Protein backbone atom coordinates (compact mmCIF):
# COMPACT_ATOMS: atom_id res chain seq x y z
CA MET A 1 179.87 32.50 258.37
CA LEU A 2 180.28 31.94 254.46
CA THR A 3 176.65 33.06 253.51
CA LYS A 4 176.84 36.56 254.96
CA PRO A 5 180.20 37.85 252.79
CA LEU A 6 178.81 35.74 249.99
CA SER A 7 175.49 37.75 250.16
CA LYS A 8 177.23 41.12 250.62
CA ARG A 9 179.15 40.51 247.32
CA ARG A 10 176.16 39.42 245.43
CA ARG A 11 174.50 42.87 246.61
CA ALA A 12 177.61 44.60 245.78
CA TYR A 13 177.90 42.86 242.31
CA GLY A 14 173.88 43.80 241.75
CA ARG A 15 174.50 47.55 242.42
CA LEU A 16 177.54 47.81 240.27
CA MET A 17 175.66 45.99 237.41
CA ARG A 18 172.44 48.18 237.77
CA GLY A 19 174.88 51.25 238.00
CA LEU A 20 176.47 50.14 234.83
CA MET A 21 173.41 49.78 233.11
CA VAL A 22 171.82 53.06 234.44
CA THR A 23 175.09 54.88 233.48
CA CYS A 24 174.69 53.25 229.61
CA ALA A 25 170.99 54.29 229.30
CA GLY A 26 171.96 57.76 230.51
CA LEU A 27 174.87 58.11 227.84
CA THR A 28 172.55 56.67 225.12
CA GLY A 29 169.87 59.35 225.94
CA ALA A 30 172.02 62.40 226.49
CA LEU A 31 173.67 61.63 223.14
CA VAL A 32 170.67 61.19 221.36
CA LEU A 33 169.39 64.53 223.03
CA PHE A 34 172.35 66.25 222.41
CA LEU A 35 172.18 65.22 218.38
CA LEU A 36 168.60 66.35 218.47
CA VAL A 37 169.19 69.59 219.94
CA TYR A 38 172.41 70.26 218.14
CA VAL A 39 170.76 69.85 215.02
CA MET A 40 167.72 71.59 215.44
CA VAL A 41 169.55 74.73 216.93
CA ARG A 42 171.73 74.83 213.70
CA GLY A 43 168.91 73.99 211.28
CA VAL A 44 165.81 75.74 212.47
CA PRO A 45 166.99 79.42 212.11
CA ASN A 46 167.78 78.81 208.63
CA LEU A 47 164.17 77.42 207.78
CA SER A 48 162.30 79.58 205.85
CA TRP A 49 159.34 79.51 203.46
CA GLU A 50 161.44 80.82 200.58
CA LEU A 51 163.86 77.75 201.08
CA LEU A 52 160.82 75.34 201.11
CA SER A 53 158.86 76.64 198.55
CA THR A 54 161.13 77.63 195.53
CA LYS A 55 163.71 75.93 193.56
CA PRO A 56 167.29 76.82 193.35
CA SER A 57 168.42 79.57 190.84
CA TYR A 58 172.01 79.63 190.02
CA LEU A 59 171.55 83.14 188.14
CA THR A 60 170.26 84.73 191.40
CA GLY A 61 171.97 82.54 193.79
CA ARG A 62 168.77 81.45 195.49
CA ILE A 63 168.81 78.16 197.13
CA GLY A 64 165.24 76.10 197.28
CA ILE A 65 164.61 72.81 198.25
CA LEU A 66 161.09 72.33 196.77
CA PRO A 67 162.44 69.88 194.17
CA ASP A 68 164.24 67.70 196.77
CA ILE A 69 161.17 67.39 199.01
CA LEU A 70 158.89 66.53 195.76
CA ASN A 71 161.63 64.11 194.78
CA THR A 72 161.78 62.47 198.05
CA LEU A 73 157.93 62.09 198.03
CA TYR A 74 158.10 60.31 194.80
CA VAL A 75 160.82 57.89 195.57
CA VAL A 76 158.98 57.05 198.86
CA LEU A 77 155.58 56.53 196.96
CA ALA A 78 157.24 54.36 194.16
CA THR A 79 159.11 52.32 196.56
CA LEU A 80 156.15 51.47 198.75
CA VAL A 81 153.99 50.79 195.81
CA ILE A 82 156.30 48.14 194.44
CA VAL A 83 157.95 46.95 197.83
CA LEU A 84 154.58 46.16 199.85
CA PRO A 85 152.85 43.87 197.54
CA LEU A 86 156.10 41.90 196.94
CA GLY A 87 157.28 41.95 200.58
CA VAL A 88 153.81 41.06 202.14
CA GLY A 89 153.02 38.48 199.68
CA ALA A 90 156.40 36.71 199.67
CA ALA A 91 155.80 36.77 203.66
CA ILE A 92 152.31 35.20 203.50
CA TYR A 93 153.50 32.34 201.27
CA LEU A 94 156.32 31.53 203.23
CA THR A 95 154.56 31.53 206.53
CA GLU A 96 150.94 30.11 205.33
CA TYR A 97 151.31 28.31 202.25
CA ALA A 98 154.93 26.92 201.73
CA SER A 99 155.71 23.36 202.82
CA ASN A 100 159.50 22.93 202.26
CA LYS A 101 160.76 24.09 205.41
CA LYS A 102 164.13 23.69 204.13
CA LEU A 103 163.36 26.06 201.36
CA VAL A 104 161.84 28.61 203.72
CA ALA A 105 164.85 28.69 206.05
CA VAL A 106 167.08 29.29 203.15
CA ILE A 107 165.06 32.11 201.83
CA GLU A 108 164.54 33.51 205.43
CA TYR A 109 168.49 33.40 205.71
CA ALA A 110 169.10 35.08 202.70
CA ALA A 111 166.77 37.75 203.73
CA GLU A 112 168.60 38.29 206.82
CA THR A 113 171.83 38.29 204.88
CA LEU A 114 170.71 41.11 202.48
CA SER A 115 169.35 43.38 205.26
CA GLY A 116 172.88 43.35 206.72
CA ILE A 117 174.42 44.27 203.51
CA PRO A 118 175.76 47.85 203.03
CA SER A 119 173.81 50.24 201.37
CA ILE A 120 176.67 51.45 199.02
CA ILE A 121 176.41 47.70 197.38
CA TYR A 122 173.10 48.15 196.50
CA GLY A 123 173.85 51.42 194.71
CA LEU A 124 176.51 49.81 192.99
CA VAL A 125 174.09 47.00 191.77
CA GLY A 126 171.56 49.69 191.27
CA ILE A 127 173.75 51.65 188.59
CA LEU A 128 175.00 48.41 187.17
CA ILE A 129 171.37 46.97 186.47
CA PHE A 130 168.84 49.60 186.61
CA SER A 131 170.71 52.82 185.74
CA ASN A 132 172.43 50.97 182.52
CA HIS A 133 168.90 50.13 181.05
CA MET A 134 166.72 53.19 182.44
CA GLY A 135 169.32 55.86 182.88
CA THR A 136 170.00 58.08 185.79
CA CYS A 137 166.63 58.64 187.35
CA LEU A 138 164.37 58.65 190.28
CA MET A 139 162.85 55.20 189.25
CA ALA A 140 166.14 53.56 189.23
CA GLY A 141 166.51 54.73 192.81
CA ALA A 142 163.29 53.55 193.84
CA LEU A 143 163.82 50.19 192.51
CA THR A 144 167.02 49.85 194.22
CA LEU A 145 165.53 50.78 197.46
CA VAL A 146 162.93 48.14 196.53
CA ILE A 147 165.55 45.43 196.87
CA MET A 148 167.14 47.07 200.00
CA ASN A 149 163.75 47.24 201.74
CA LEU A 150 161.99 43.99 200.45
CA PRO A 151 163.88 41.69 203.32
CA THR A 152 162.71 44.07 206.01
CA ILE A 153 159.08 44.25 204.97
CA MET A 154 159.39 40.32 204.31
CA ARG A 155 160.60 39.44 207.76
CA THR A 156 158.47 41.97 209.81
CA THR A 157 155.60 40.56 208.14
CA GLN A 158 156.47 37.08 208.80
CA GLU A 159 156.94 37.93 212.38
CA SER A 160 153.89 39.38 212.54
CA LEU A 161 151.97 36.57 210.94
CA LYS A 162 153.75 34.15 213.28
CA THR A 163 152.13 35.94 216.45
CA VAL A 164 148.48 35.02 215.39
CA PRO A 165 147.64 31.92 217.44
CA GLN A 166 147.38 28.58 215.41
CA SER A 167 143.68 27.99 217.23
CA TYR A 168 142.46 30.79 215.10
CA ARG A 169 143.30 29.14 211.74
CA GLU A 170 142.17 25.69 213.01
CA GLY A 171 138.82 27.06 214.07
CA ALA A 172 138.26 28.81 210.79
CA PHE A 173 139.04 25.59 208.93
CA GLY A 174 136.82 23.79 210.96
CA LEU A 175 134.00 26.14 209.79
CA GLY A 176 134.68 25.13 206.58
CA ALA A 177 136.63 28.05 205.30
CA GLY A 178 139.22 27.62 202.56
CA LYS A 179 142.82 28.40 202.92
CA TRP A 180 142.90 31.97 201.05
CA ARG A 181 139.63 33.04 203.13
CA VAL A 182 141.52 31.96 206.41
CA VAL A 183 144.26 34.20 205.47
CA ARG A 184 142.36 37.03 204.47
CA THR A 185 139.65 37.16 207.10
CA VAL A 186 141.48 35.75 210.15
CA VAL A 187 145.30 35.99 210.04
CA LEU A 188 145.76 39.41 208.17
CA PRO A 189 143.34 41.23 210.46
CA GLY A 190 145.15 39.79 213.56
CA CYS A 191 148.49 40.98 212.57
CA VAL A 192 147.80 43.99 210.66
CA ASP A 193 149.37 46.33 213.19
CA GLY A 194 152.54 44.81 212.89
CA ILE A 195 152.58 44.95 208.89
CA ILE A 196 151.75 48.68 209.23
CA THR A 197 154.39 49.31 211.75
CA GLY A 198 156.82 47.63 209.53
CA CYS A 199 155.95 49.76 206.47
CA ILE A 200 156.16 52.83 208.44
CA LEU A 201 159.49 52.11 209.73
CA SER A 202 160.41 51.16 206.12
CA VAL A 203 159.69 54.63 205.06
CA GLY A 204 161.88 55.91 207.76
CA ARG A 205 164.78 53.85 206.21
CA ILE A 206 163.84 55.11 202.69
CA LEU A 207 163.83 58.86 203.79
CA GLY A 208 167.33 58.57 205.25
CA GLU A 209 169.00 56.54 202.44
CA SER A 210 171.45 58.38 200.29
CA ALA A 211 174.37 56.14 199.38
CA ALA A 212 172.37 53.99 197.04
CA LEU A 213 170.63 57.17 195.48
CA LEU A 214 173.90 58.87 194.68
CA PHE A 215 174.63 56.15 192.34
CA THR A 216 171.27 55.87 190.74
CA ALA A 217 168.94 58.87 191.17
CA GLY A 218 171.35 61.78 190.36
CA PHE A 219 171.49 65.23 191.62
CA ALA A 220 169.28 67.47 189.58
CA HIS A 221 167.16 70.08 191.46
CA ALA A 222 164.23 70.41 188.93
CA VAL A 223 160.30 70.55 189.67
CA ASN A 224 158.36 67.87 187.94
CA GLY A 225 155.30 65.84 188.29
CA LEU A 226 155.09 62.48 189.54
CA LEU A 227 155.41 60.45 186.32
CA THR A 228 157.88 63.05 184.65
CA GLY A 229 159.74 63.16 187.96
CA LEU A 230 160.25 59.44 188.09
CA ALA A 231 161.44 59.40 184.67
CA THR A 232 164.37 61.95 185.31
CA PRO A 233 167.28 62.53 187.36
CA GLY A 234 166.74 64.16 191.10
CA ALA A 235 168.15 64.60 194.13
CA THR A 236 166.32 63.79 197.47
CA LEU A 237 166.65 65.56 200.76
CA THR A 238 169.35 63.14 201.86
CA VAL A 239 171.32 63.78 198.59
CA ALA A 240 170.79 67.31 198.70
CA LEU A 241 172.12 67.53 202.31
CA TYR A 242 174.93 65.76 200.77
CA VAL A 243 175.46 68.17 198.05
CA TYR A 244 175.08 71.48 199.92
CA ALA A 245 177.39 70.33 202.61
CA LYS A 246 180.14 68.38 200.81
CA GLU A 247 180.35 70.06 197.04
CA GLN A 248 178.83 73.52 197.91
CA GLY A 249 179.88 74.17 201.49
CA GLU A 250 176.27 75.51 202.29
CA PHE A 251 176.30 74.08 205.88
CA GLY A 252 173.33 76.13 206.67
CA VAL A 253 171.13 74.72 204.29
CA ALA A 254 172.53 71.64 204.85
CA PHE A 255 171.37 71.68 208.58
CA ALA A 256 168.13 73.01 207.65
CA ILE A 257 167.71 69.89 205.54
CA ALA A 258 169.04 67.75 208.56
CA ALA A 259 166.32 69.41 210.96
CA ILE A 260 163.56 68.56 208.31
CA LEU A 261 164.62 64.91 208.06
CA MET A 262 164.94 64.58 212.00
CA VAL A 263 161.40 65.84 212.42
CA LEU A 264 160.14 63.39 209.80
CA THR A 265 161.99 60.65 211.59
CA LEU A 266 160.36 61.53 215.01
CA LEU A 267 156.83 61.78 213.07
CA ILE A 268 157.40 58.44 211.47
CA ASN A 269 158.38 56.77 214.81
CA LEU A 270 155.55 58.27 216.59
CA ALA A 271 153.16 57.08 214.01
CA ALA A 272 154.42 53.50 214.35
CA THR A 273 153.81 53.88 218.15
CA LEU A 274 150.46 55.15 217.72
CA VAL A 275 149.47 52.47 215.46
CA GLN A 276 150.52 49.82 217.90
CA THR A 277 148.84 51.51 220.61
CA CYS A 278 145.50 52.03 218.55
CA PHE A 279 145.40 48.30 217.45
CA ALA A 280 146.35 47.07 220.94
CA LYS A 281 143.50 48.98 222.32
CA ARG A 282 141.20 47.65 219.60
CA ARG A 283 142.31 44.16 220.30
CA SER A 284 141.66 44.62 224.23
CA LEU A 285 138.03 45.45 223.67
């Protein structure tokens, strides 16, 4: 007599929880879809070739975001060139070479703590350390982003290295291979998909960062080469979005930049998914 009511309660509880989860998933999907459609509807009509291929002219009132696109590219390249060797190298050392487990645990805890610090604090540190010595320039902003993304690259690479079975290492050691040869020829090829995915997602974070760059990179809208641009102030797309929306009230241009950033974010996530799928298929062959 007691089992039937209990079974009904369990079934009712299961249906309730399943309904709540479906509702939460639906709300999340609807929110993302609404944000995507709203930004695209407001931003795409304001996109034009003149906007994308020219620089601003305050004499004629022309608005162009070509300098902001180039500055964004320069910052991404400079950040990746510095952060990738540091992050991947630190992860390899901590996972494959470090023998002091307590020290490794402390470094991992510090990296996780750094990942949760608000970006505005990184901007304050960047302006005190880099901008005071280098001046306000894109390179100062790139170095600030290096500090921000270093924990992410390091922890992502560490988790990828840990997915390689220990038997692979032991087999290579049994064949007489040295430590670095094992890491280079066995461990890294076995987790390169996770490393590449982490790097691609870091590019997305670099593209979307604005608070740290507001303090360190500046607001200039000038077209420069790579080396000249890194040594001079410049606004990235996110900083330009803030300037046009908040300072100048050009919401049409701001939504156009937002649409570009949205498309870039979608492409980056798609690239990360394709990389994972490609390497998964290669492993299964």
